[in-house]
Structure formats: C-alpha cells, structure tokens
Amino acid sequence: MMPPVQQTTVSSSEQMLRQVIILRGIPGSGKSHYARSLGITFRVPRTTGKIDLLRIPAVVCSADDYFIDPRTGQYRFDRQRLGDAHRSCRAAFLDAVRAQEPLVVVDNTNSARWEYQQYYDLAQAYGYEVKIVEFAVSADTVWKCHARNRHHVPGPVIRNMLKRWEPDSRAIQISPVFEPNQEQEPNFSLMHPDAMPHESIHAQHAL
C-alpha cells in the first residue's frame, strides 16, 4: 500500500527551493491528474501564536490547454495548430519561471528528449531544481492507457509515440495502477517526487 499524497510544507520565513517537474508519458498514463495533485503548503504564523496553512497549487503548463474551448470547456484537437500549442505552452512556462512561481509542472507527452530539454535548461537558468517524472508503461498496460485516455488519441498514434520514445537516465519512473473496472474513475494515491525513496517506484494514479 502506498503512503498518502505528500506535499512540500515550508515556513513563510524560509527561503523556498523552487522546483520544476517535467512529466513524460503516453495519453492515459496519468500525467494530468498527477500534475493537478501537486502543490506547496506554507506555514504562516499568526500574531496569536497559531499557524495557518496556505496551499499554493502547482502552475501546470500543457500544450493540450491550447485546444480547450474557453467558452464550452470542450477539447478540440487540430493537428495543424500543434506548433502553436507548443509555443503557447513554452510561453506560459517562461512566464511562470520569470515570476518565480514556487512549483511549475510541464504536462506533455515528451516522448523525445529534445521536446523537453528547453524546459529543463530554462528552469536551471532561472534557478530551479528540476525533476523529470516518467510514467512507464509495459505491453500489458499500454492498452489500458489507450482505453482511458480522455482525449481519445487513436491507438496507432500512441504506438508511434512509443516507437520514438527515448530513455532518459535522469527520470524518476513510476508505473500506472489500474482499477479492474476501466469504466469508473479509479481511486489512487500519488507521491511528490521529493518523497520517492528510489529512482523507480510504483505509484497508484489515474487520469
């Protein structure tokens, strides 16, 4: 059984280590839910002597956000605008690190190293600690990811992603855990990379 989700907690008077987390994984592997689960909690002392907890969620940068209609909330992918989507994602990321946001997450497939190396270099240039978290799949789990990917990415497209997948020795690998019933939203627990005791662990997660 996995421990509960762990978030970073720091005092408001402490100098906080800023962190960028770059996610890698095929559609349906759990990246987006993982990104939304992350945040930093501050301990804010009051004059009464009590301590308030203030949680700041991660700033999530994703090319997929470009295809979400702000009026309807519907996702409408357009391959011809994919370049614009990634430029928008990089611009959002640059705004976040320039603003010194405490926790910034890049939520893209990132099958090849060159696709996210620019994020890695920019993060370091702005003084961030960088972690790469890879959602590793096997022949037994890739079809389950395909079955539950919420943007309905076709199977052949996912296979092509896997064919061009490049290993990265810097990455912390976590593995999907699926509920028996694929039609229902699974329950899961995710750990912040800081709490991961090994370079490769199994984490329960879902979309």
C-alpha atoms as a PDB file:
ATOM      1  CA  MET A   1       0.000   0.000   0.000  1.00  0.00           C
ATOM      2  CA  MET A   2       1.284   3.436  -0.930  1.00  0.00           C
ATOM      3  CA  PRO A   3       1.643   6.212   1.649  1.00  0.00           C
ATOM      4  CA  PRO A   4      -0.764   9.166   1.288  1.00  0.00           C
ATOM      5  CA  VAL A   5      -0.018  12.062  -1.033  1.00  0.00           C
ATOM      6  CA  GLN A   6       2.814  14.132   0.361  1.00  0.00           C
ATOM      7  CA  GLN A   7       3.136  17.850  -0.334  1.00  0.00           C
ATOM      8  CA  THR A   8       6.069  20.120   0.437  1.00  0.00           C
ATOM      9  CA  THR A   9       5.455  22.291   3.519  1.00  0.00           C
ATOM     10  CA  VAL A  10       7.677  25.266   4.303  1.00  0.00           C
ATOM     11  CA  SER A  11       7.609  28.217   6.674  1.00  0.00           C
ATOM     12  CA  SER A  12       6.787  31.572   5.130  1.00  0.00           C
ATOM     13  CA  SER A  13      10.027  32.867   6.620  1.00  0.00           C
ATOM     14  CA  GLU A  14      12.163  30.164   4.978  1.00  0.00           C
ATOM     15  CA  GLN A  15      13.829  30.544   1.614  1.00  0.00           C
ATOM     16  CA  MET A  16      11.897  28.125  -0.579  1.00  0.00           C
ATOM     17  CA  LEU A  17      13.513  25.858  -3.099  1.00  0.00           C
ATOM     18  CA  ARG A  18      11.751  26.465  -6.391  1.00  0.00           C
ATOM     19  CA  GLN A  19      11.090  23.351  -8.421  1.00  0.00           C
ATOM     20  CA  VAL A  20      10.121  22.397 -11.973  1.00  0.00           C
ATOM     21  CA  ILE A  21       8.688  18.936 -12.630  1.00  0.00           C
ATOM     22  CA  ILE A  22       8.727  17.717 -16.242  1.00  0.00           C
ATOM     23  CA  LEU A  23       6.286  14.880 -16.926  1.00  0.00           C
ATOM     24  CA  ARG A  24       6.656  12.191 -19.603  1.00  0.00           C
ATOM     25  CA  GLY A  25       4.033   9.621 -20.538  1.00  0.00           C
ATOM     26  CA  ILE A  26       1.603   8.459 -23.182  1.00  0.00           C
ATOM     27  CA  PRO A  27      -2.043   9.610 -23.138  1.00  0.00           C
ATOM     28  CA  GLY A  28      -3.983   7.873 -20.378  1.00  0.00           C
ATOM     29  CA  SER A  29      -0.925   7.214 -18.203  1.00  0.00           C
ATOM     30  CA  GLY A  30      -1.988   9.677 -15.500  1.00  0.00           C
ATOM     31  CA  LYS A  31       0.144  12.765 -16.115  1.00  0.00           C
ATOM     32  CA  SER A  32      -2.598  15.365 -15.876  1.00  0.00           C
ATOM     33  CA  HIS A  33      -4.096  14.062 -12.654  1.00  0.00           C
ATOM     34  CA  TYR A  34      -0.638  13.831 -11.146  1.00  0.00           C
ATOM     35  CA  ALA A  35       0.060  17.437 -12.161  1.00  0.00           C
ATOM     36  CA  ARG A  36      -3.160  18.656 -10.550  1.00  0.00           C
ATOM     37  CA  SER A  37      -2.368  16.814  -7.315  1.00  0.00           C
ATOM     38  CA  LEU A  38       0.857  18.714  -6.686  1.00  0.00           C
ATOM     39  CA  GLY A  39       1.248  21.850  -4.601  1.00  0.00           C
ATOM     40  CA  ILE A  40       3.226  23.556  -1.861  1.00  0.00           C
ATOM     41  CA  THR A  41       1.845  24.330   1.599  1.00  0.00           C
ATOM     42  CA  PHE A  42       3.188  27.246   3.623  1.00  0.00           C
ATOM     43  CA  ARG A  43       3.123  27.506   7.409  1.00  0.00           C
ATOM     44  CA  VAL A  44       2.069  31.099   8.108  1.00  0.00           C
ATOM     45  CA  PRO A  45       2.456  32.186  11.769  1.00  0.00           C
ATOM     46  CA  ARG A  46      -0.227  34.489  13.185  1.00  0.00           C
ATOM     47  CA  THR A  47       0.152  37.098  15.924  1.00  0.00           C
ATOM     48  CA  THR A  48      -1.989  34.885  18.155  1.00  0.00           C
ATOM     49  CA  GLY A  49       0.709  32.213  18.021  1.00  0.00           C
ATOM     50  CA  LYS A  50      -1.348  29.895  15.819  1.00  0.00           C
ATOM     51  CA  ILE A  51      -0.127  28.580  12.486  1.00  0.00           C
ATOM     52  CA  ASP A  52      -2.213  28.862   9.326  1.00  0.00           C
ATOM     53  CA  LEU A  53      -1.607  26.562   6.362  1.00  0.00           C
ATOM     54  CA  LEU A  54      -1.716  28.181   2.930  1.00  0.00           C
ATOM     55  CA  ARG A  55      -1.636  25.813  -0.038  1.00  0.00           C
ATOM     56  CA  ILE A  56      -0.396  27.029  -3.416  1.00  0.00           C
ATOM     57  CA  PRO A  57      -1.151  24.620  -6.285  1.00  0.00           C
ATOM     58  CA  ALA A  58       1.423  23.961  -8.962  1.00  0.00           C
ATOM     59  CA  VAL A  59       1.387  26.061 -12.111  1.00  0.00           C
ATOM     60  CA  VAL A  60       0.690  23.484 -14.840  1.00  0.00           C
ATOM     61  CA  CYS A  61       1.825  24.173 -18.418  1.00  0.00           C
ATOM     62  CA  SER A  62       0.376  21.878 -21.083  1.00  0.00           C
ATOM     63  CA  ALA A  63       0.069  22.084 -24.857  1.00  0.00           C
ATOM     64  CA  ASP A  64      -3.343  20.402 -24.522  1.00  0.00           C
ATOM     65  CA  ASP A  65      -4.729  23.534 -22.854  1.00  0.00           C
ATOM     66  CA  TYR A  66      -4.453  25.336 -26.187  1.00  0.00           C
ATOM     67  CA  PHE A  67      -7.133  23.075 -27.662  1.00  0.00           C
ATOM     68  CA  ILE A  68      -9.690  23.607 -24.892  1.00  0.00           C
ATOM     69  CA  ASP A  69     -12.500  25.962 -25.926  1.00  0.00           C
ATOM     70  CA  PRO A  70     -12.727  28.586 -23.135  1.00  0.00           C
ATOM     71  CA  ARG A  71     -16.455  29.009 -23.769  1.00  0.00           C
ATOM     72  CA  THR A  72     -17.512  25.360 -23.671  1.00  0.00           C
ATOM     73  CA  GLY A  73     -14.578  23.644 -21.957  1.00  0.00           C
ATOM     74  CA  GLN A  74     -14.501  21.091 -24.791  1.00  0.00           C
ATOM     75  CA  TYR A  75     -11.242  19.717 -26.165  1.00  0.00           C
ATOM     76  CA  ARG A  76     -10.891  20.148 -29.938  1.00  0.00           C
ATOM     77  CA  PHE A  77      -7.557  18.931 -31.284  1.00  0.00           C
ATOM     78  CA  ASP A  78      -6.262  20.422 -34.533  1.00  0.00           C
ATOM     79  CA  ARG A  79      -3.004  18.898 -35.787  1.00  0.00           C
ATOM     80  CA  GLN A  80      -2.292  21.943 -37.959  1.00  0.00           C
ATOM     81  CA  ARG A  81      -2.154  24.101 -34.818  1.00  0.00           C
ATOM     82  CA  LEU A  82       0.097  21.769 -32.840  1.00  0.00           C
ATOM     83  CA  GLY A  83       3.099  24.056 -33.284  1.00  0.00           C
ATOM     84  CA  ASP A  84       1.077  26.985 -31.937  1.00  0.00           C
ATOM     85  CA  ALA A  85       0.016  24.846 -28.977  1.00  0.00           C
ATOM     86  CA  HIS A  86       3.599  24.076 -28.006  1.00  0.00           C
ATOM     87  CA  ARG A  87       4.650  27.697 -28.451  1.00  0.00           C
ATOM     88  CA  SER A  88       1.804  28.696 -26.146  1.00  0.00           C
ATOM     89  CA  CYS A  89       2.932  26.102 -23.600  1.00  0.00           C
ATOM     90  CA  ARG A  90       6.527  27.363 -23.672  1.00  0.00           C
ATOM     91  CA  ALA A  91       5.345  30.960 -23.294  1.00  0.00           C
ATOM     92  CA  ALA A  92       3.252  30.016 -20.243  1.00  0.00           C
ATOM     93  CA  PHE A  93       6.226  28.167 -18.761  1.00  0.00           C
ATOM     94  CA  LEU A  94       8.536  31.122 -19.320  1.00  0.00           C
ATOM     95  CA  ASP A  95       6.032  33.465 -17.669  1.00  0.00           C
ATOM     96  CA  ALA A  96       5.859  31.137 -14.662  1.00  0.00           C
ATOM     97  CA  VAL A  97       9.606  30.819 -14.098  1.00  0.00           C
ATOM     98  CA  ARG A  98      10.153  34.532 -14.672  1.00  0.00           C
ATOM     99  CA  ALA A  99       7.529  35.164 -11.996  1.00  0.00           C
ATOM    100  CA  GLN A 100       9.440  32.738  -9.735  1.00  0.00           C
ATOM    101  CA  GLU A 101       6.403  30.553  -9.131  1.00  0.00           C
ATOM    102  CA  PRO A 102       7.396  28.003  -6.469  1.00  0.00           C
ATOM    103  CA  LEU A 103       6.270  24.872  -8.336  1.00  0.00           C
ATOM    104  CA  VAL A 104       5.881  24.604 -12.120  1.00  0.00           C
ATOM    105  CA  VAL A 105       4.844  21.406 -13.933  1.00  0.00           C
ATOM    106  CA  VAL A 106       5.229  20.633 -17.647  1.00  0.00           C
ATOM    107  CA  ASP A 107       2.437  18.231 -18.608  1.00  0.00           C
ATOM    108  CA  ASN A 108       3.180  16.961 -22.141  1.00  0.00           C
ATOM    109  CA  THR A 109       3.875  13.555 -23.707  1.00  0.00           C
ATOM    110  CA  ASN A 110       7.582  14.393 -24.180  1.00  0.00           C
ATOM    111  CA  SER A 111       8.477  11.167 -25.956  1.00  0.00           C
ATOM    112  CA  ALA A 112      11.835  12.524 -27.186  1.00  0.00           C
ATOM    113  CA  ARG A 113      14.388  14.300 -25.011  1.00  0.00           C
ATOM    114  CA  TRP A 114      14.655  17.315 -27.312  1.00  0.00           C
ATOM    115  CA  GLU A 115      10.963  18.023 -26.738  1.00  0.00           C
ATOM    116  CA  TYR A 116      11.555  18.958 -23.107  1.00  0.00           C
ATOM    117  CA  GLN A 117      15.251  19.830 -22.927  1.00  0.00           C
ATOM    118  CA  GLN A 118      14.445  23.514 -23.473  1.00  0.00           C
ATOM    119  CA  TYR A 119      12.210  23.458 -20.389  1.00  0.00           C
ATOM    120  CA  TYR A 120      14.999  21.787 -18.427  1.00  0.00           C
ATOM    121  CA  ASP A 121      17.584  24.369 -19.500  1.00  0.00           C
ATOM    122  CA  LEU A 122      15.287  27.343 -18.884  1.00  0.00           C
ATOM    123  CA  ALA A 123      14.367  26.070 -15.430  1.00  0.00           C
ATOM    124  CA  GLN A 124      18.011  25.743 -14.432  1.00  0.00           C
ATOM    125  CA  ALA A 125      18.804  29.170 -15.874  1.00  0.00           C
ATOM    126  CA  TYR A 126      16.143  30.666 -13.595  1.00  0.00           C
ATOM    127  CA  GLY A 127      17.485  28.867 -10.526  1.00  0.00           C
ATOM    128  CA  TYR A 128      15.026  25.992 -10.287  1.00  0.00           C
ATOM    129  CA  GLU A 129      15.659  22.433  -9.196  1.00  0.00           C
ATOM    130  CA  VAL A 130      14.408  20.167 -11.998  1.00  0.00           C
ATOM    131  CA  LYS A 131      12.888  16.686 -11.734  1.00  0.00           C
ATOM    132  CA  ILE A 132      11.776  14.507 -14.650  1.00  0.00           C
ATOM    133  CA  VAL A 133       8.955  12.088 -13.826  1.00  0.00           C
ATOM    134  CA  GLU A 134       8.221   9.361 -16.385  1.00  0.00           C
ATOM    135  CA  PHE A 135       5.044   7.279 -16.408  1.00  0.00           C
ATOM    136  CA  ALA A 136       6.462   3.962 -17.610  1.00  0.00           C
ATOM    137  CA  VAL A 137       4.150   1.527 -19.403  1.00  0.00           C
ATOM    138  CA  SER A 138       4.547  -2.075 -20.500  1.00  0.00           C
ATOM    139  CA  ALA A 139       2.955  -4.214 -23.197  1.00  0.00           C
ATOM    140  CA  ASP A 140       0.411  -5.258 -20.562  1.00  0.00           C
ATOM    141  CA  THR A 141      -0.616  -1.719 -19.593  1.00  0.00           C
ATOM    142  CA  VAL A 142      -0.370   0.329 -22.787  1.00  0.00           C
ATOM    143  CA  TRP A 143      -3.802  -0.811 -23.981  1.00  0.00           C
ATOM    144  CA  LYS A 144      -5.326   0.228 -20.671  1.00  0.00           C
ATOM    145  CA  CYS A 145      -3.844   3.707 -21.073  1.00  0.00           C
ATOM    146  CA  HIS A 146      -5.319   3.846 -24.562  1.00  0.00           C
ATOM    147  CA  ALA A 147      -8.737   2.748 -23.276  1.00  0.00           C
ATOM    148  CA  ARG A 148      -8.944   5.507 -20.694  1.00  0.00           C
ATOM    149  CA  ASN A 149      -7.176   8.447 -22.382  1.00  0.00           C
ATOM    150  CA  ARG A 150      -9.670  11.275 -22.153  1.00  0.00           C
ATOM    151  CA  HIS A 151      -8.750  12.945 -25.442  1.00  0.00           C
ATOM    152  CA  HIS A 152      -9.392   9.718 -27.415  1.00  0.00           C
ATOM    153  CA  VAL A 153      -5.950   9.591 -29.018  1.00  0.00           C
ATOM    154  CA  PRO A 154      -6.048   6.719 -31.565  1.00  0.00           C
ATOM    155  CA  GLY A 155      -4.076   3.540 -30.926  1.00  0.00           C
ATOM    156  CA  PRO A 156      -1.757   3.938 -33.955  1.00  0.00           C
ATOM    157  CA  VAL A 157      -0.761   7.406 -32.727  1.00  0.00           C
ATOM    158  CA  ILE A 158       0.117   6.009 -29.307  1.00  0.00           C
ATOM    159  CA  ARG A 159       2.133   3.207 -30.909  1.00  0.00           C
ATOM    160  CA  ASN A 160       4.121   5.795 -32.873  1.00  0.00           C
ATOM    161  CA  MET A 161       4.801   7.691 -29.636  1.00  0.00           C
ATOM    162  CA  LEU A 162       6.242   4.527 -28.125  1.00  0.00           C
ATOM    163  CA  LYS A 163       8.354   3.770 -31.209  1.00  0.00           C
ATOM    164  CA  ARG A 164      10.129   7.103 -30.923  1.00  0.00           C
ATOM    165  CA  TRP A 165      10.376   7.015 -27.123  1.00  0.00           C
ATOM    166  CA  GLU A 166      13.848   7.928 -25.878  1.00  0.00           C
ATOM    167  CA  PRO A 167      15.091   6.756 -22.470  1.00  0.00           C
ATOM    168  CA  ASP A 168      16.372   9.352 -20.029  1.00  0.00           C
ATOM    169  CA  SER A 169      18.555   8.231 -17.140  1.00  0.00           C
ATOM    170  CA  ARG A 170      17.631  11.405 -15.227  1.00  0.00           C
ATOM    171  CA  ALA A 171      13.981  10.389 -14.995  1.00  0.00           C
ATOM    172  CA  ILE A 172      12.198   9.032 -11.937  1.00  0.00           C
ATOM    173  CA  GLN A 173       9.958   6.238 -13.229  1.00  0.00           C
ATOM    174  CA  ILE A 174       6.526   5.483 -11.824  1.00  0.00           C
ATOM    175  CA  SER A 175       4.103   2.870 -13.112  1.00  0.00           C
ATOM    176  CA  PRO A 176       0.354   3.105 -13.672  1.00  0.00           C
ATOM    177  CA  VAL A 177      -2.010   1.134 -11.448  1.00  0.00           C
ATOM    178  CA  PHE A 178      -5.433   0.414 -12.905  1.00  0.00           C
ATOM    179  CA  GLU A 179      -8.739  -0.426 -11.330  1.00  0.00           C
ATOM    180  CA  PRO A 180     -10.413  -3.651 -12.566  1.00  0.00           C
ATOM    181  CA  ASN A 181     -13.338  -1.657 -13.954  1.00  0.00           C
ATOM    182  CA  GLN A 182     -11.972   0.660 -16.648  1.00  0.00           C
ATOM    183  CA  GLU A 183     -15.290   2.484 -16.947  1.00  0.00           C
ATOM    184  CA  GLN A 184     -15.005   4.039 -13.493  1.00  0.00           C
ATOM    185  CA  GLU A 185     -12.604   6.699 -12.208  1.00  0.00           C
ATOM    186  CA  PRO A 186     -10.003   4.790 -10.152  1.00  0.00           C
ATOM    187  CA  ASN A 187      -9.009   5.827  -6.666  1.00  0.00           C
ATOM    188  CA  PHE A 188      -5.289   6.450  -6.324  1.00  0.00           C
ATOM    189  CA  SER A 189      -2.550   7.969  -4.248  1.00  0.00           C
ATOM    190  CA  LEU A 190       0.405   9.872  -5.673  1.00  0.00           C
ATOM    191  CA  MET A 191       3.640  10.894  -4.107  1.00  0.00           C
ATOM    192  CA  HIS A 192       5.548  14.087  -4.751  1.00  0.00           C
ATOM    193  CA  PRO A 193       8.928  13.183  -6.307  1.00  0.00           C
ATOM    194  CA  ASP A 194      10.715  14.523  -3.209  1.00  0.00           C
ATOM    195  CA  ALA A 195       9.160  11.706  -1.194  1.00  0.00           C
ATOM    196  CA  MET A 196      10.177   8.945  -3.606  1.00  0.00           C
ATOM    197  CA  PRO A 197      12.801   6.774  -1.894  1.00  0.00           C
ATOM    198  CA  HIS A 198      14.121   5.127  -5.059  1.00  0.00           C
ATOM    199  CA  GLU A 199      14.789   6.050  -8.665  1.00  0.00           C
ATOM    200  CA  SER A 200      11.974   3.756  -9.760  1.00  0.00           C
ATOM    201  CA  ILE A 201       8.783   3.222  -7.774  1.00  0.00           C
ATOM    202  CA  HIS A 202       5.213   2.144  -8.351  1.00  0.00           C
ATOM    203  CA  ALA A 203       2.569   4.810  -7.732  1.00  0.00           C
ATOM    204  CA  GLN A 204      -1.184   4.464  -7.872  1.00  0.00           C
ATOM    205  CA  HIS A 205      -2.734   7.009 -10.216  1.00  0.00           C
ATOM    206  CA  ALA A 206      -5.417   7.745 -12.775  1.00  0.00           C
ATOM    207  CA  LEU A 207      -6.432  10.423 -15.221  1.00  0.00           C
END
